[in-house]
C-alpha atoms as a PDB file:
ATOM      1  CA  MET A   1      57.441  51.141   9.517  1.00  0.00           C
ATOM      2  CA  SER A   2      60.326  52.998  11.111  1.00  0.00           C
ATOM      3  CA  VAL A   3      60.894  53.282  14.788  1.00  0.00           C
ATOM      4  CA  THR A   4      62.872  56.103  16.299  1.00  0.00           C
ATOM      5  CA  LEU A   5      64.471  55.485  19.661  1.00  0.00           C
ATOM      6  CA  ARG A   6      65.255  58.387  21.887  1.00  0.00           C
ATOM      7  CA  TRP A   7      67.526  58.101  24.920  1.00  0.00           C
ATOM      8  CA  THR A   8      67.750  60.465  27.740  1.00  0.00           C
ATOM      9  CA  GLU A   9      71.126  62.084  28.464  1.00  0.00           C
ATOM     10  CA  GLU A  10      71.473  59.825  31.504  1.00  0.00           C
ATOM     11  CA  GLN A  11      70.891  56.659  29.443  1.00  0.00           C
ATOM     12  CA  LEU A  12      73.357  57.823  26.793  1.00  0.00           C
ATOM     13  CA  ARG A  13      76.065  58.553  29.388  1.00  0.00           C
ATOM     14  CA  ALA A  14      75.520  55.129  30.996  1.00  0.00           C
ATOM     15  CA  TRP A  15      75.772  53.428  27.610  1.00  0.00           C
ATOM     16  CA  HIS A  16      79.035  55.277  26.832  1.00  0.00           C
ATOM     17  CA  ALA A  17      80.447  54.481  30.268  1.00  0.00           C
ATOM     18  CA  ARG A  18      79.754  50.748  29.847  1.00  0.00           C
ATOM     19  CA  ARG A  19      81.747  50.790  26.617  1.00  0.00           C
ATOM     20  CA  GLY A  20      84.593  52.892  27.982  1.00  0.00           C
ATOM     21  CA  LEU A  21      83.738  55.866  25.753  1.00  0.00           C
ATOM     22  CA  ARG A  22      83.916  59.486  26.742  1.00  0.00           C
ATOM     23  CA  VAL A  23      81.272  61.996  25.827  1.00  0.00           C
ATOM     24  CA  ASP A  24      82.234  65.480  24.627  1.00  0.00           C
ATOM     25  CA  GLY A  25      81.084  68.623  26.431  1.00  0.00           C
ATOM     26  CA  GLU A  26      77.672  68.678  24.727  1.00  0.00           C
ATOM     27  CA  GLY A  27      76.982  65.013  25.395  1.00  0.00           C
ATOM     28  CA  HIS A  28      75.938  64.020  21.889  1.00  0.00           C
ATOM     29  CA  GLU A  29      78.932  62.407  20.228  1.00  0.00           C
ATOM     30  CA  PRO A  30      81.176  59.855  21.873  1.00  0.00           C
ATOM     31  CA  ALA A  31      84.875  60.686  21.735  1.00  0.00           C
ATOM     32  CA  PRO A  32      87.134  57.667  21.453  1.00  0.00           C
ATOM     33  CA  ALA A  33      88.911  56.669  24.615  1.00  0.00           C
ATOM     34  CA  PRO A  34      92.697  56.887  24.541  1.00  0.00           C
ATOM     35  CA  ALA A  35      94.085  53.821  22.832  1.00  0.00           C
ATOM     36  CA  ALA A  36      95.943  51.360  24.963  1.00  0.00           C
ATOM     37  CA  PRO A  37      99.453  50.684  23.696  1.00  0.00           C
ATOM     38  CA  CYS A  38      99.577  47.668  21.436  1.00  0.00           C
ATOM     39  CA  ALA A  39     101.716  44.910  22.904  1.00  0.00           C
ATOM     40  CA  ALA A  40     102.939  43.926  19.450  1.00  0.00           C
ATOM     41  CA  LEU A  41     104.309  47.433  18.833  1.00  0.00           C
ATOM     42  CA  ALA A  42     105.909  47.865  22.222  1.00  0.00           C
ATOM     43  CA  ALA A  43     109.694  47.779  22.246  1.00  0.00           C
ATOM     44  CA  PRO A  44     111.144  44.588  23.697  1.00  0.00           C
ATOM     45  CA  PRO A  45     112.695  45.002  27.123  1.00  0.00           C
ATOM     46  CA  VAL A  46     116.374  45.831  26.848  1.00  0.00           C
ATOM     47  CA  ALA A  47     118.614  43.780  29.077  1.00  0.00           C
ATOM     48  CA  ALA A  48     121.321  45.630  30.920  1.00  0.00           C
ATOM     49  CA  PRO A  49     124.768  45.039  29.467  1.00  0.00           C
ATOM     50  CA  ARG A  50     126.596  42.292  31.278  1.00  0.00           C
ATOM     51  CA  GLU A  51     129.938  42.942  32.950  1.00  0.00           C
ATOM     52  CA  VAL A  52     132.636  40.527  34.101  1.00  0.00           C
ATOM     53  CA  VAL A  53     135.422  41.538  36.505  1.00  0.00           C
ATOM     54  CA  LEU A  54     138.392  39.183  36.827  1.00  0.00           C
ATOM     55  CA  TRP A  55     141.859  38.896  38.331  1.00  0.00           C
ATOM     56  CA  LEU A  56     144.224  36.666  36.367  1.00  0.00           C
ATOM     57  CA  PRO A  57     147.803  35.560  37.004  1.00  0.00           C
ATOM     58  CA  TRP A  58     150.626  37.073  34.965  1.00  0.00           C
ATOM     59  CA  PRO A  59     150.757  35.271  31.581  1.00  0.00           C
ATOM     60  CA  PRO A  60     153.706  33.773  29.770  1.00  0.00           C
ATOM     61  CA  SER A  61     155.087  36.025  27.040  1.00  0.00           C
ATOM     62  CA  VAL A  62     154.131  35.328  23.442  1.00  0.00           C
ATOM     63  CA  ASN A  63     157.609  33.911  22.906  1.00  0.00           C
ATOM     64  CA  ARG A  64     157.007  31.324  25.648  1.00  0.00           C
ATOM     65  CA  TYR A  65     153.308  30.785  24.793  1.00  0.00           C
ATOM     66  CA  TRP A  66     154.025  29.326  21.349  1.00  0.00           C
ATOM     67  CA  ARG A  67     156.429  26.615  20.289  1.00  0.00           C
ATOM     68  CA  HIS A  68     157.662  25.993  16.772  1.00  0.00           C
ATOM     69  CA  PRO A  69     158.836  22.419  16.152  1.00  0.00           C
ATOM     70  CA  HIS A  70     161.503  22.030  13.458  1.00  0.00           C
ATOM     71  CA  ALA A  71     161.285  18.247  13.005  1.00  0.00           C
ATOM     72  CA  GLY A  72     158.702  15.475  13.039  1.00  0.00           C
ATOM     73  CA  LYS A  73     155.000  15.587  12.165  1.00  0.00           C
ATOM     74  CA  ALA A  74     154.519  19.019  13.729  1.00  0.00           C
ATOM     75  CA  ALA A  75     157.421  20.635  11.872  1.00  0.00           C
ATOM     76  CA  GLY A  76     156.566  24.104  10.596  1.00  0.00           C
ATOM     77  CA  ARG A  77     153.426  24.416  12.711  1.00  0.00           C
ATOM     78  CA  HIS A  78     152.737  26.862  15.547  1.00  0.00           C
ATOM     79  CA  LEU A  79     151.607  25.031  18.682  1.00  0.00           C
ATOM     80  CA  ILE A  80     150.738  26.200  22.172  1.00  0.00           C
ATOM     81  CA  SER A  81     153.638  25.333  24.472  1.00  0.00           C
ATOM     82  CA  GLU A  82     153.427  23.430  27.728  1.00  0.00           C
ATOM     83  CA  SER A  83     153.588  26.677  29.732  1.00  0.00           C
ATOM     84  CA  GLY A  84     150.847  28.128  27.511  1.00  0.00           C
ATOM     85  CA  ARG A  85     148.592  25.111  28.080  1.00  0.00           C
ATOM     86  CA  ALA A  86     149.266  25.285  31.829  1.00  0.00           C
ATOM     87  CA  TYR A  87     148.266  28.969  31.843  1.00  0.00           C
ATOM     88  CA  ARG A  88     145.025  28.238  29.948  1.00  0.00           C
ATOM     89  CA  LYS A  89     144.199  25.484  32.408  1.00  0.00           C
ATOM     90  CA  GLN A  90     144.926  27.728  35.385  1.00  0.00           C
ATOM     91  CA  VAL A  91     142.691  30.500  34.000  1.00  0.00           C
ATOM     92  CA  ALA A  92     139.877  28.065  33.135  1.00  0.00           C
ATOM     93  CA  GLY A  93     139.970  26.719  36.693  1.00  0.00           C
ATOM     94  CA  SER A  94     139.856  30.131  38.336  1.00  0.00           C
ATOM     95  CA  VAL A  95     137.370  32.005  36.126  1.00  0.00           C
ATOM     96  CA  PRO A  96     133.629  31.536  36.647  1.00  0.00           C
ATOM     97  CA  THR A  97     131.792  31.321  33.332  1.00  0.00           C
ATOM     98  CA  PRO A  98     128.922  33.817  32.934  1.00  0.00           C
ATOM     99  CA  LYS A  99     125.538  32.419  34.051  1.00  0.00           C
ATOM    100  CA  ASP A 100     123.865  33.256  30.732  1.00  0.00           C
ATOM    101  CA  GLY A 101     126.642  31.695  28.672  1.00  0.00           C
ATOM    102  CA  PRO A 102     129.580  33.404  27.010  1.00  0.00           C
ATOM    103  CA  LEU A 103     129.380  37.110  26.291  1.00  0.00           C
ATOM    104  CA  ALA A 104     128.162  37.208  22.697  1.00  0.00           C
ATOM    105  CA  SER A 105     128.036  40.853  21.648  1.00  0.00           C
ATOM    106  CA  ARG A 106     130.650  43.505  21.036  1.00  0.00           C
ATOM    107  CA  LEU A 107     132.897  44.018  24.055  1.00  0.00           C
ATOM    108  CA  GLN A 108     134.751  46.771  25.838  1.00  0.00           C
ATOM    109  CA  MET A 109     137.731  45.590  27.847  1.00  0.00           C
ATOM    110  CA  THR A 110     139.635  47.530  30.485  1.00  0.00           C
ATOM    111  CA  LEU A 111     142.895  45.923  31.536  1.00  0.00           C
ATOM    112  CA  ILE A 112     145.243  46.978  34.323  1.00  0.00           C
ATOM    113  CA  LEU A 113     148.652  45.313  34.227  1.00  0.00           C
ATOM    114  CA  TYR A 114     150.469  44.753  37.518  1.00  0.00           C
ATOM    115  CA  GLU A 115     153.858  43.643  36.186  1.00  0.00           C
ATOM    116  CA  PRO A 116     155.946  41.238  38.277  1.00  0.00           C
ATOM    117  CA  ASP A 117     159.064  43.452  37.946  1.00  0.00           C
ATOM    118  CA  ARG A 118     160.319  46.607  36.272  1.00  0.00           C
ATOM    119  CA  ARG A 119     161.589  45.003  33.048  1.00  0.00           C
ATOM    120  CA  LEU A 120     160.505  46.621  29.789  1.00  0.00           C
ATOM    121  CA  ARG A 121     157.829  44.641  27.946  1.00  0.00           C
ATOM    122  CA  ASP A 122     156.004  44.934  24.656  1.00  0.00           C
ATOM    123  CA  ILE A 123     152.357  45.392  25.516  1.00  0.00           C
ATOM    124  CA  ASP A 124     151.175  43.129  22.695  1.00  0.00           C
ATOM    125  CA  ASN A 125     153.310  40.252  24.017  1.00  0.00           C
ATOM    126  CA  VAL A 126     151.280  40.305  27.242  1.00  0.00           C
ATOM    127  CA  LEU A 127     147.808  40.196  25.675  1.00  0.00           C
ATOM    128  CA  LYS A 128     147.687  37.042  23.503  1.00  0.00           C
ATOM    129  CA  ALA A 129     147.803  34.420  26.273  1.00  0.00           C
ATOM    130  CA  PRO A 130     145.072  35.921  28.532  1.00  0.00           C
ATOM    131  CA  PHE A 131     142.784  36.705  25.583  1.00  0.00           C
ATOM    132  CA  ASP A 132     142.995  33.110  24.338  1.00  0.00           C
ATOM    133  CA  ALA A 133     142.667  31.722  27.875  1.00  0.00           C
ATOM    134  CA  LEU A 134     139.471  33.735  28.513  1.00  0.00           C
ATOM    135  CA  ARG A 135     137.977  32.490  25.240  1.00  0.00           C
ATOM    136  CA  HIS A 136     138.968  28.926  26.130  1.00  0.00           C
ATOM    137  CA  ALA A 137     137.386  29.367  29.612  1.00  0.00           C
ATOM    138  CA  GLY A 138     134.066  30.414  28.021  1.00  0.00           C
ATOM    139  CA  VAL A 139     133.989  34.069  29.109  1.00  0.00           C
ATOM    140  CA  TYR A 140     133.399  35.232  25.519  1.00  0.00           C
ATOM    141  CA  LYS A 141     133.101  33.499  22.159  1.00  0.00           C
ATOM    142  CA  ASP A 142     136.102  35.041  20.408  1.00  0.00           C
ATOM    143  CA  ASP A 143     138.579  37.823  21.040  1.00  0.00           C
ATOM    144  CA  SER A 144     137.499  39.425  17.757  1.00  0.00           C
ATOM    145  CA  GLN A 145     134.447  40.668  19.738  1.00  0.00           C
ATOM    146  CA  ILE A 146     136.674  43.157  21.565  1.00  0.00           C
ATOM    147  CA  ARG A 147     135.927  46.542  19.990  1.00  0.00           C
ATOM    148  CA  ARG A 148     137.288  48.846  22.710  1.00  0.00           C
ATOM    149  CA  LEU A 149     140.442  48.112  24.653  1.00  0.00           C
ATOM    150  CA  PHE A 150     141.831  50.287  27.443  1.00  0.00           C
ATOM    151  CA  ILE A 151     145.157  49.280  28.966  1.00  0.00           C
ATOM    152  CA  ASP A 152     146.944  50.804  31.915  1.00  0.00           C
ATOM    153  CA  PHE A 153     150.128  49.862  33.740  1.00  0.00           C
ATOM    154  CA  ALA A 154     150.078  49.934  37.535  1.00  0.00           C
ATOM    155  CA  ASP A 155     153.056  49.741  39.877  1.00  0.00           C
ATOM    156  CA  PRO A 156     154.803  46.362  39.721  1.00  0.00           C
ATOM    157  CA  ARG A 157     153.643  43.702  42.211  1.00  0.00           C
ATOM    158  CA  LYS A 158     155.066  40.243  42.572  1.00  0.00           C
ATOM    159  CA  PRO A 159     154.095  37.740  41.191  1.00  0.00           C
ATOM    160  CA  GLY A 160     152.313  39.969  38.652  1.00  0.00           C
ATOM    161  CA  ARG A 161     148.580  40.072  37.948  1.00  0.00           C
ATOM    162  CA  LEU A 162     146.064  41.275  35.405  1.00  0.00           C
ATOM    163  CA  HIS A 163     142.809  42.999  36.317  1.00  0.00           C
ATOM    164  CA  PHE A 164     140.111  42.687  33.629  1.00  0.00           C
ATOM    165  CA  THR A 165     136.773  44.469  33.375  1.00  0.00           C
ATOM    166  CA  ILE A 166     134.839  43.169  30.370  1.00  0.00           C
ATOM    167  CA  LYS A 167     131.538  44.846  29.387  1.00  0.00           C
ATOM    168  CA  GLU A 168     129.063  44.216  26.625  1.00  0.00           C
ATOM    169  CA  LEU A 169     128.466  47.255  24.435  1.00  0.00           C
END
């Protein structure tokens, strides 16, 4: 024995509405409701790149940053000098470490040099000490992360300073 059920248009619309279905213009076939976005397929939220802005004291030159003992156990090795260690300590004491830990991705660094006087300097002799001091202070993991470097010289100011803006790429 077969039973045929017949619904009125009103009953059919109510049934569709309870299930979140739409009915086409004629009212006979339910059209699927728009699919809600799947949480598993949604892109993860992208955190804004972090940025650190710092003022550092003028560093010792590379020639004063390193020492090269000629005798004893340390002969032939390259060691950080006393003035280099003092500079690292000074930077570590004055630089706040980022709240979320060291910057871990690729970095862009903008550096403005305020020289202490008008003497001519090799730009690469200025960079080694602050880069190592910032790594030692926990600002970033390693200076090999620096992928873009912009350097500008400003008018000399005593006692000399460095202005860093470090951004994650």
